[in-house]
């Protein structure tokens, strides 16, 4: 497992080896995931007050909200 840092916007960094999935934040099921994570205190908001465009699920079951498009996060993950 690599722990290469991944920039998810606004100076926020996630260890890339901990990422399980990256999804868009515009559907009803993902909005429910966000609400459930907030209630369980497992939500990290890294949007800096901007619109949430992607949700990053990590192996600790935390959800990380990012204002960066999922495609952009995935491209950063590949490099």
Protein backbone atom coordinates (compact mmCIF):
# COMPACT_ATOMS: atom_id res chain seq x y z
CA UNK A 1 0.00 0.00 0.00
CA UNK A 2 1.41 3.36 -1.02
CA UNK A 3 0.76 6.39 1.15
CA UNK A 4 1.57 8.94 -1.54
CA UNK A 5 -0.18 12.23 -0.67
CA UNK A 6 -3.10 13.21 -2.90
CA UNK A 7 -4.17 16.86 -3.10
CA UNK A 8 -7.97 17.06 -2.97
CA UNK A 9 -8.12 20.84 -3.15
CA UNK A 10 -7.47 23.92 -1.02
CA UNK A 11 -4.34 22.47 0.56
CA UNK A 12 -6.12 19.35 1.81
CA UNK A 13 -4.25 16.08 1.36
CA UNK A 14 -5.34 12.44 1.68
CA UNK A 15 -3.03 9.39 1.65
CA UNK A 16 -3.79 7.81 -1.73
CA UNK A 17 -3.34 4.24 -0.48
CA UNK A 18 -6.30 4.63 1.89
CA UNK A 19 -8.83 5.56 -0.83
CA UNK A 20 -11.49 2.94 -1.55
CA UNK A 21 -13.64 4.90 -4.03
CA UNK A 22 -14.35 8.32 -5.49
CA UNK A 23 -17.96 9.11 -6.44
CA UNK A 24 -20.01 12.06 -7.62
CA UNK A 25 -22.03 13.83 -4.95
CA UNK A 26 -25.18 14.62 -6.92
CA UNK A 27 -27.44 11.60 -6.38
CA UNK A 28 -29.92 10.90 -3.59
CA UNK A 29 -28.07 7.80 -2.29
CA UNK A 30 -24.80 9.74 -1.93
CA UNK A 31 -26.62 12.53 -0.10
CA UNK A 32 -27.96 9.91 2.32
CA UNK A 33 -24.39 8.57 2.74
CA UNK A 34 -23.24 12.08 3.65
CA UNK A 35 -26.04 12.54 6.19
CA UNK A 36 -25.36 9.15 7.80
CA UNK A 37 -21.63 9.87 7.99
CA UNK A 38 -22.36 13.26 9.57
CA UNK A 39 -24.55 11.62 12.21
CA UNK A 40 -21.82 9.04 12.99
CA UNK A 41 -19.14 11.80 13.13
CA UNK A 42 -17.31 10.13 10.22
CA UNK A 43 -17.52 13.07 7.77
CA UNK A 44 -14.60 15.28 6.78
CA UNK A 45 -15.61 18.40 4.84
CA UNK A 46 -12.68 19.57 2.71
CA UNK A 47 -14.76 21.78 0.40
CA UNK A 48 -13.75 25.07 2.01
CA UNK A 49 -17.37 26.23 1.82
CA UNK A 50 -17.78 25.43 -1.86
CA UNK A 51 -20.17 23.04 -3.60
CA UNK A 52 -19.42 19.36 -2.97
CA UNK A 53 -18.54 17.69 -6.27
CA UNK A 54 -16.98 14.43 -5.14
CA UNK A 55 -17.04 12.09 -2.18
CA UNK A 56 -13.94 10.12 -1.27
CA UNK A 57 -14.49 6.97 0.76
CA UNK A 58 -11.43 5.78 2.68
CA UNK A 59 -10.71 2.43 4.32
CA UNK A 60 -11.55 3.74 7.81
CA UNK A 61 -15.15 4.31 6.57
CA UNK A 62 -14.76 8.09 6.75
CA UNK A 63 -16.29 10.14 3.95
CA UNK A 64 -14.26 13.07 2.68
CA UNK A 65 -16.09 15.79 0.74
CA UNK A 66 -14.18 17.61 -1.97
CA UNK A 67 -15.04 20.54 -4.24
CA UNK A 68 -12.94 18.97 -7.02
CA UNK A 69 -14.62 16.89 -9.76
CA UNK A 70 -14.18 13.11 -9.37
CA UNK A 71 -12.42 12.91 -12.75
CA UNK A 72 -9.84 15.47 -11.60
CA UNK A 73 -9.23 13.60 -8.34
CA UNK A 74 -8.80 10.37 -10.30
CA UNK A 75 -6.31 12.03 -12.67
CA UNK A 76 -4.30 13.30 -9.71
CA UNK A 77 -4.37 9.79 -8.29
CA UNK A 78 -2.88 8.35 -11.50
CA UNK A 79 0.07 10.75 -11.59
